[in-house]
Protein backbone atom coordinates (compact mmCIF):
# COMPACT_ATOMS: atom_id res chain seq x y z
CA MET A 1 191.74 181.30 -100.10
CA THR A 2 189.06 178.78 -100.42
CA ALA A 3 187.88 176.38 -97.70
CA GLY A 4 189.18 173.60 -99.69
CA SER A 5 192.60 174.89 -99.66
CA LEU A 6 192.23 176.11 -96.04
CA LEU A 7 191.69 172.46 -94.91
CA GLN A 8 194.86 171.30 -97.08
CA THR A 9 196.95 173.83 -95.29
CA PHE A 10 195.26 173.03 -91.83
CA THR A 11 196.09 168.85 -92.60
CA VAL A 12 199.85 169.94 -93.89
CA TYR A 13 200.59 172.15 -90.46
CA LEU A 14 199.31 169.60 -88.38
CA GLY A 15 201.32 166.61 -90.32
CA LEU A 16 204.31 167.91 -92.40
CA LEU A 17 205.58 171.30 -90.80
CA ALA A 18 207.41 169.49 -89.05
CA VAL A 19 210.21 169.65 -92.24
CA PHE A 20 211.07 172.72 -90.54
CA PRO A 21 213.00 170.54 -87.56
CA THR A 22 214.56 172.16 -84.52
CA CYS A 23 216.82 170.83 -82.56
CA ILE A 24 216.58 169.77 -78.89
CA HIS A 25 219.47 170.34 -76.96
CA ALA A 26 219.84 168.58 -73.81
CA SER A 27 221.12 170.67 -70.50
CA PRO A 28 222.82 169.43 -67.59
CA LEU A 29 220.50 172.17 -65.94
CA VAL A 30 217.78 170.34 -67.27
CA GLN A 31 216.00 168.08 -64.36
CA ARG A 32 214.71 164.99 -66.64
CA ASP A 33 213.06 162.66 -63.97
CA LEU A 34 210.55 164.96 -62.80
CA THR A 35 206.76 164.44 -62.96
CA ALA A 36 204.29 166.78 -64.42
CA ASP A 37 203.01 167.54 -61.03
CA GLN A 38 206.43 167.95 -59.43
CA ILE A 39 207.27 170.57 -62.42
CA ALA A 40 203.86 172.26 -61.47
CA ALA A 41 204.93 172.39 -57.89
CA GLN A 42 208.21 174.11 -58.39
CA ALA A 43 206.95 176.49 -61.02
CA LEU A 44 204.28 177.64 -58.26
CA THR A 45 207.16 178.00 -55.49
CA ASN A 46 209.19 180.12 -57.82
CA ALA A 47 206.51 182.30 -58.96
CA TYR A 48 205.61 183.10 -55.41
CA LYS A 49 209.39 183.97 -55.04
CA VAL A 50 209.04 186.25 -57.85
CA LEU A 51 206.31 188.07 -56.19
CA ASN A 52 207.88 188.08 -53.06
CA GLY A 53 211.15 189.92 -54.59
CA THR A 54 213.34 187.01 -53.83
CA LEU A 55 213.60 185.65 -57.31
CA SER A 56 213.65 187.91 -60.64
CA ASP A 57 211.90 187.62 -64.09
CA GLY A 58 213.18 190.63 -65.45
CA MET A 59 209.83 192.15 -65.58
CA THR A 60 208.99 195.39 -64.29
CA ARG A 61 206.24 195.45 -61.42
CA PRO A 62 204.77 198.97 -60.51
CA ALA A 63 203.56 199.47 -56.78
CA THR A 64 200.16 199.37 -58.30
CA GLY A 65 201.00 196.06 -60.27
CA CYS A 66 200.26 192.21 -59.43
CA SER A 67 200.88 191.43 -55.62
CA LYS A 68 200.21 188.06 -53.65
CA ASP A 69 197.13 190.02 -52.11
CA LYS A 70 195.55 190.54 -55.86
CA LEU A 71 196.89 186.93 -57.37
CA GLN A 72 194.05 185.13 -58.73
CA ILE A 73 194.63 181.10 -58.78
CA ARG A 74 193.38 179.39 -61.94
CA LYS A 75 192.53 175.63 -61.15
CA GLU A 76 191.94 172.11 -62.92
CA TYR A 77 188.18 171.76 -63.87
CA GLY A 78 187.82 168.49 -61.79
CA ASP A 79 189.23 170.48 -58.50
CA LEU A 80 186.88 172.63 -58.76
CA SER A 81 183.73 172.75 -56.42
CA LYS A 82 180.40 171.99 -57.99
CA ALA A 83 179.64 175.36 -56.89
CA GLU A 84 182.36 176.84 -58.74
CA GLN A 85 181.68 174.61 -61.90
CA SER A 86 178.18 176.05 -61.74
CA GLU A 87 179.03 179.83 -61.56
CA TYR A 88 181.70 179.31 -64.20
CA ILE A 89 178.75 177.33 -66.41
CA ARG A 90 176.34 180.42 -65.56
CA ALA A 91 178.94 182.81 -66.81
CA VAL A 92 179.89 181.36 -70.21
CA LYS A 93 175.86 181.22 -70.60
CA CYS A 94 175.78 184.27 -69.69
CA ILE A 95 178.36 185.62 -72.37
CA LEU A 96 176.46 183.70 -74.86
CA ASN A 97 173.27 185.35 -74.71
CA LYS A 98 175.03 189.12 -74.86
CA PRO A 99 174.39 190.42 -78.08
CA SER A 100 177.09 190.84 -80.72
CA LYS A 101 179.41 194.35 -80.57
CA LEU A 102 180.19 193.39 -84.29
CA ASP A 103 179.34 194.55 -87.53
CA ASN A 104 176.16 192.43 -88.44
CA THR A 105 176.91 192.84 -92.36
CA LYS A 106 180.41 192.18 -92.25
CA TYR A 107 179.81 189.41 -89.77
CA PRO A 108 176.24 188.15 -90.12
CA GLY A 109 177.18 184.67 -88.35
CA ALA A 110 178.37 186.72 -85.13
CA LYS A 111 175.22 186.60 -83.31
CA SER A 112 176.43 187.10 -79.62
CA ARG A 113 179.04 188.13 -77.70
CA TYR A 114 180.74 185.04 -77.25
CA ASP A 115 180.82 184.71 -81.09
CA ASP A 116 182.74 188.02 -81.01
CA PHE A 117 185.52 185.89 -79.46
CA VAL A 118 185.25 183.30 -82.35
CA VAL A 119 185.63 185.99 -85.26
CA VAL A 120 188.52 187.58 -83.60
CA HIS A 121 190.11 184.39 -83.62
CA MET A 122 189.22 183.42 -87.17
CA ASN A 123 190.73 186.88 -87.93
CA MET A 124 193.87 186.31 -86.18
CA THR A 125 194.76 182.65 -86.90
CA PRO A 126 197.38 183.22 -89.69
CA SER A 127 199.56 185.69 -87.35
CA VAL A 128 199.22 183.31 -84.41
CA HIS A 129 199.55 179.95 -84.82
CA GLY A 130 203.52 178.65 -86.10
CA THR A 131 204.83 182.12 -85.09
CA ALA A 132 206.24 184.01 -82.28
CA ASN A 133 203.15 185.19 -80.36
CA PHE A 134 201.27 181.76 -80.72
CA MET A 135 201.59 181.64 -76.87
CA HIS A 136 201.63 184.99 -76.16
CA TRP A 137 198.68 185.96 -77.75
CA HIS A 138 196.78 183.02 -76.67
CA ARG A 139 197.54 184.10 -73.19
CA TYR A 140 196.20 187.43 -74.19
CA TYR A 141 193.37 186.00 -75.38
CA ILE A 142 192.32 183.74 -73.02
CA TRP A 143 192.82 186.54 -70.16
CA ALA A 144 190.12 188.80 -72.39
CA TYR A 145 187.64 185.89 -72.10
CA GLU A 146 187.91 185.46 -68.67
CA THR A 147 187.82 189.27 -67.77
CA ALA A 148 184.78 189.32 -70.36
CA LEU A 149 183.06 186.82 -67.89
CA LYS A 150 184.16 188.98 -64.87
CA THR A 151 182.90 192.38 -66.14
CA GLU A 152 180.07 191.63 -68.68
CA CYS A 153 178.39 188.71 -66.85
CA ASP A 154 179.74 188.90 -63.21
CA PHE A 155 181.69 185.95 -62.93
CA LYS A 156 183.35 184.99 -59.50
CA GLY A 157 185.70 182.78 -60.31
CA THR A 158 188.83 182.23 -62.51
CA GLN A 159 189.37 180.47 -66.03
CA PRO A 160 189.60 176.77 -65.64
CA TYR A 161 191.98 174.57 -67.39
CA TRP A 162 192.12 171.18 -68.43
CA ASN A 163 195.18 169.04 -67.29
CA TRP A 164 195.66 166.70 -70.40
CA GLY A 165 197.43 163.81 -68.24
CA LYS A 166 194.78 163.50 -65.62
CA TYR A 167 191.82 161.52 -67.36
CA GLN A 168 192.39 158.56 -69.07
CA ASP A 169 188.98 158.17 -70.04
CA LEU A 170 187.50 161.71 -70.93
CA THR A 171 183.82 160.63 -71.53
CA THR A 172 183.50 159.84 -67.70
CA SER A 173 185.81 163.02 -66.78
CA PRO A 174 184.16 165.69 -65.05
CA ILE A 175 184.82 168.15 -68.25
CA PHE A 176 182.52 165.82 -70.60
CA ASN A 177 180.61 163.29 -68.47
CA GLY A 178 177.11 165.21 -69.31
CA ASP A 179 176.27 166.02 -65.81
CA GLU A 180 174.88 169.49 -64.67
CA TRP A 181 178.28 170.43 -63.70
CA SER A 182 180.06 169.39 -67.00
CA LEU A 183 180.69 171.18 -70.07
CA GLY A 184 178.39 168.78 -71.61
CA GLY A 185 178.79 165.34 -72.78
CA ASN A 186 180.09 163.61 -75.88
CA GLY A 187 178.37 163.89 -78.99
CA GLU A 188 175.85 161.19 -79.71
CA TYR A 189 177.01 158.10 -81.63
CA VAL A 190 177.10 158.41 -85.30
CA LYS A 191 178.75 155.58 -87.28
CA HIS A 192 181.92 157.48 -89.20
CA ASN A 193 185.26 157.06 -90.27
CA GLY A 194 187.27 159.41 -88.01
CA GLY A 195 190.00 161.26 -90.13
CA PHE A 196 193.15 161.99 -91.29
CA VAL A 197 195.28 164.56 -89.58
CA GLY A 198 198.69 164.13 -90.50
CA ARG A 199 197.81 160.62 -89.30
CA GLN A 200 195.17 157.89 -89.36
CA ILE A 201 192.35 158.99 -86.35
CA PRO A 202 190.08 156.21 -85.47
CA ALA A 203 186.47 157.41 -85.35
CA GLY A 204 185.33 157.75 -81.41
CA PRO A 205 182.16 156.95 -79.42
CA GLY A 206 180.52 160.29 -80.66
CA GLY A 207 180.66 162.46 -83.84
CA GLY A 208 176.62 163.60 -83.40
CA CYS A 209 175.30 166.49 -81.82
CA VAL A 210 175.64 167.08 -77.94
CA LYS A 211 172.38 166.19 -76.39
CA THR A 212 173.65 166.04 -72.50
CA GLY A 213 174.85 168.82 -70.12
CA PRO A 214 174.63 172.26 -70.07
CA PHE A 215 175.77 172.93 -73.57
CA ALA A 216 172.99 170.37 -74.87
CA ASN A 217 171.60 171.85 -78.11
CA LEU A 218 174.02 174.77 -78.32
CA THR A 219 173.63 176.34 -81.74
CA ILE A 220 176.91 177.01 -83.79
CA HIS A 221 176.54 180.04 -86.13
CA LEU A 222 180.14 180.61 -87.61
CA GLY A 223 182.11 178.08 -89.77
CA PRO A 224 183.10 176.07 -90.73
CA LEU A 225 185.98 177.20 -92.34
CA SER A 226 188.75 174.39 -92.05
CA SER A 227 186.65 171.10 -90.99
CA THR A 228 188.84 168.07 -90.30
CA ILE A 229 185.99 165.58 -89.38
CA ASP A 230 184.73 162.96 -91.62
CA PRO A 231 182.81 164.61 -94.52
CA ALA A 232 180.05 161.84 -94.10
CA LEU A 233 178.77 163.29 -91.14
CA GLY A 234 177.17 165.94 -93.35
CA VAL A 235 178.12 169.17 -91.79
CA LYS A 236 176.90 171.90 -93.90
CA SER A 237 179.25 174.47 -95.76
CA ASN A 238 179.04 178.23 -94.55
CA PRO A 239 177.10 180.36 -96.80
CA ARG A 240 180.23 182.45 -97.44
CA ARG A 241 183.24 181.61 -98.33
CA ASP A 242 185.19 183.30 -95.49
CA GLY A 243 182.99 181.52 -92.71
CA TYR A 244 181.28 184.64 -91.33
CA GLY A 245 178.11 183.89 -92.81
CA ASP A 246 175.16 182.62 -90.37
CA ASN A 247 175.34 178.73 -90.44
CA PRO A 248 173.23 177.27 -87.69
CA ARG A 249 173.59 173.93 -86.46
CA CYS A 250 174.35 171.74 -83.65
CA LEU A 251 177.45 171.71 -81.88
CA ARG A 252 178.81 168.23 -82.54
CA ARG A 253 181.46 166.00 -80.31
CA ASP A 254 183.69 163.16 -80.75
CA VAL A 255 185.40 163.03 -77.83
CA ASN A 256 187.90 159.98 -77.53
CA ASN A 257 190.68 158.56 -75.60
CA TYR A 258 192.98 158.00 -78.79
CA PHE A 259 195.43 160.91 -77.73
CA VAL A 260 194.93 161.00 -73.96
CA THR A 261 196.40 157.30 -73.61
CA GLN A 262 199.12 157.71 -76.33
CA PHE A 263 200.26 161.43 -76.39
CA LEU A 264 198.96 163.50 -73.56
CA ARG A 265 199.97 161.08 -70.52
CA PRO A 266 201.81 162.94 -67.78
CA VAL A 267 205.01 161.97 -69.09
CA ASP A 268 204.51 163.35 -72.13
CA ILE A 269 203.69 166.51 -70.50
CA ALA A 270 206.75 166.25 -68.45
CA SER A 271 209.39 165.09 -71.39
CA HIS A 272 208.12 168.09 -73.57
CA ILE A 273 208.89 170.54 -71.10
CA THR A 274 212.33 169.07 -69.50
CA THR A 275 213.54 168.37 -73.36
CA SER A 276 212.84 171.98 -74.56
CA THR A 277 215.85 174.04 -73.80
CA SER A 278 214.52 177.34 -75.76
CA ILE A 279 211.19 178.98 -76.46
CA LEU A 280 211.75 178.40 -80.46
CA THR A 281 211.77 174.34 -79.92
CA PHE A 282 209.13 174.52 -76.91
CA GLN A 283 206.19 176.24 -79.19
CA ASP A 284 207.12 174.41 -82.49
CA THR A 285 207.31 170.78 -80.88
CA LEU A 286 204.23 172.11 -79.07
CA GLN A 287 201.94 172.63 -82.22
CA ASN A 288 203.82 170.53 -84.84
CA ASP A 289 202.80 167.05 -85.19
CA THR A 290 205.34 164.08 -86.24
CA PRO A 291 204.79 161.04 -87.92
CA GLN A 292 205.61 159.36 -84.76
CA LYS A 293 203.97 161.52 -82.50
CA ALA A 294 200.89 163.98 -82.21
CA ALA A 295 201.81 167.36 -80.51
CA LEU A 296 200.38 168.38 -77.29
CA HIS A 297 198.47 171.13 -78.65
CA SER A 298 196.83 169.53 -81.66
CA GLY A 299 196.28 166.32 -79.27
CA GLY A 300 194.14 168.16 -76.75
CA HIS A 301 192.03 169.78 -79.90
CA PHE A 302 191.25 166.18 -81.69
CA SER A 303 190.52 164.79 -78.36
CA ILE A 304 187.63 167.06 -78.43
CA TRP A 305 187.24 166.82 -82.29
CA GLY A 306 183.71 167.69 -83.97
CA ASP A 307 182.41 171.04 -85.13
CA PRO A 308 183.64 173.33 -84.53
CA GLY A 309 186.49 171.71 -81.94
CA GLY A 310 188.07 170.08 -84.76
CA ASP A 311 188.43 173.52 -86.89
CA VAL A 312 191.92 175.84 -86.12
CA TYR A 313 189.81 178.52 -86.95
CA VAL A 314 186.36 178.52 -85.64
CA SER A 315 187.51 176.19 -82.64
CA PRO A 316 186.77 178.72 -80.05
CA ALA A 317 183.16 178.33 -80.55
CA GLU A 318 183.72 175.16 -78.57
CA PRO A 319 183.24 175.89 -75.06
CA ALA A 320 185.95 173.28 -74.22
CA PHE A 321 188.48 175.48 -76.11
CA TRP A 322 189.28 177.93 -73.50
CA LEU A 323 190.03 174.71 -70.76
CA HIS A 324 192.28 173.51 -73.52
CA HIS A 325 194.23 176.64 -74.28
CA GLY A 326 194.08 177.43 -70.28
CA GLN A 327 196.08 174.19 -69.99
CA LEU A 328 198.42 175.52 -72.90
CA ASP A 329 198.93 178.59 -70.93
CA ARG A 330 199.62 176.54 -67.94
CA HIS A 331 202.69 174.26 -69.70
CA TRP A 332 204.05 177.56 -70.84
CA TRP A 333 204.11 178.97 -67.48
CA MET A 334 205.51 175.66 -65.99
CA TRP A 335 208.08 175.66 -68.83
CA ALA A 336 209.49 179.28 -67.76
CA ASN A 337 209.07 178.90 -63.99
CA TYR A 338 209.98 175.29 -62.65
CA LEU A 339 214.04 175.96 -63.23
CA GLU A 340 214.96 178.82 -60.63
CA ASP A 341 218.29 179.44 -62.13
CA GLN A 342 216.16 179.80 -65.80
CA VAL A 343 213.08 181.84 -64.79
CA LYS A 344 214.46 185.14 -65.95
CA ALA A 345 215.89 183.88 -69.01
CA ARG A 346 212.90 181.49 -70.39
CA THR A 347 210.53 184.54 -69.27
CA GLN A 348 212.35 187.10 -71.74
CA MET A 349 212.76 184.41 -74.48
CA TYR A 350 210.56 185.48 -78.03
CA GLU A 351 211.50 183.89 -81.20
CA GLY A 352 209.76 182.83 -84.27
CA GLY A 353 207.92 184.57 -87.38
CA THR A 354 204.94 186.65 -87.75
CA SER A 355 202.84 184.93 -90.39
CA TRP A 356 201.73 180.89 -90.30
CA MET A 357 201.78 180.88 -93.79
CA ALA A 358 205.08 182.29 -94.77
CA PRO A 359 207.66 180.25 -93.31
CA ASN A 360 210.31 183.05 -93.98
CA SER A 361 208.11 186.03 -92.71
CA ALA A 362 209.56 188.71 -90.43
CA LYS A 363 210.85 187.78 -87.16
CA GLY A 364 208.51 188.55 -84.07
CA LYS A 365 209.87 191.55 -81.82
CA PRO A 366 208.71 191.99 -78.23
CA THR A 367 207.72 195.06 -79.01
CA ASP A 368 204.99 194.06 -81.55
CA LYS A 369 201.78 194.82 -81.06
CA GLN A 370 199.09 192.44 -80.61
CA TRP A 371 195.48 192.99 -81.14
CA LEU A 372 192.09 191.77 -80.03
CA SER A 373 189.80 194.04 -81.72
CA VAL A 374 186.33 194.26 -79.72
CA VAL A 375 187.13 191.80 -77.30
CA ALA A 376 189.83 193.66 -75.92
CA PRO A 377 189.49 194.66 -72.12
CA THR A 378 189.19 198.41 -71.63
CA GLY A 379 192.36 200.25 -72.83
CA MET A 380 193.92 196.87 -73.72
CA GLU A 381 193.96 196.98 -77.42
CA GLY A 382 197.33 196.55 -78.99
CA VAL A 383 199.67 195.84 -76.32
CA GLN A 384 203.06 194.72 -76.52
CA SER A 385 203.87 191.08 -76.48
CA LYS A 386 206.58 191.92 -73.87
CA GLU A 387 203.64 192.46 -71.40
CA MET A 388 202.56 188.56 -72.16
CA PHE A 389 205.83 187.59 -70.90
CA SER A 390 204.99 186.82 -66.87
CA THR A 391 201.44 185.73 -65.68
CA THR A 392 202.39 188.22 -63.09
CA ALA A 393 203.55 191.11 -64.84
CA GLY A 394 201.96 193.18 -67.52
CA PRO A 395 197.94 193.12 -67.35
CA PHE A 396 198.22 189.84 -65.73
CA CYS A 397 198.05 188.60 -62.23
CA TYR A 398 197.47 184.88 -61.78
CA VAL A 399 199.18 181.60 -61.15
CA TYR A 400 198.20 177.92 -61.47
CA GLN A 401 197.37 175.48 -58.75
């Protein structure tokens, strides 16, 4: 498949995949008037009940498994102390400077251990987007990244997330304001025409290279493979059609408020959770734009946009990817845990196909194995999907605050 056909496929995915609609059914048990903060609070209360043994989510927890004394707490980036933000940045810079474990002939663009994670995502993209394991594999992937920061770079914290509804001006948020505790600032302003990703997206105040903050002048090596930014910005093509060649260039961003002010508001987050009564509805509406509304998943990515942030294959090369997908995992966690009488049923739900490129692909099974290749923590390659059902079972032991 050529880069051009990949881009066309990605655009169709974001804008037109809604031709496979799923119905959203109301349930008398769903509390529609809750705010996003209230949903998160109820989810945390119920997660503690599960660990205390007063509520069952249907998962088996051996004596050596997750317990409250082992529990890790993931926090919103803006709620971290300056010291915690600095520690996270230090660990990310550390993984960026460690050598790759991949075959340099097969993946010449993989220069660092961080790039290993990008390659794995590039390889897995067709089977982990628009499929039964979209949420599950990305939970596994984020956890593997967090684990690498801990075991390979002595990281003392937990993977932070970006609460989509928290900042109406992303450019001044603690994530993108460009100070020493941020993930770097916006790209330098370059006049451009925005783009079309299922809808016309207006140009934001960036578009150029990131020149401020801890990740100023970061070099991107892999991709692009399915770029969605204005071609007039002149991002050079990868020397290989598969995107794995070495293509050194700057990190570009066009951090904008188009999505956060219209589609990623707290009311949008709450509404998506309270109107989705099955995992299939939840994950499909989370990913698929409609002509009227941008989905939360794509809205988060394109609030950062740029290169590589706007490329579905190479997007993990953008350091803010991990905060966005941390929130995506939190969003699923909130949905699964906030209704006490549905915790067990929702935790066990697993629906959808196995190939993004084939709408009629075989259905996913809870026993399907998930793969991380060289970024899998020791002994944790090929873990079954059902081990990803809960953040406090299987290999996991964390909740969101």
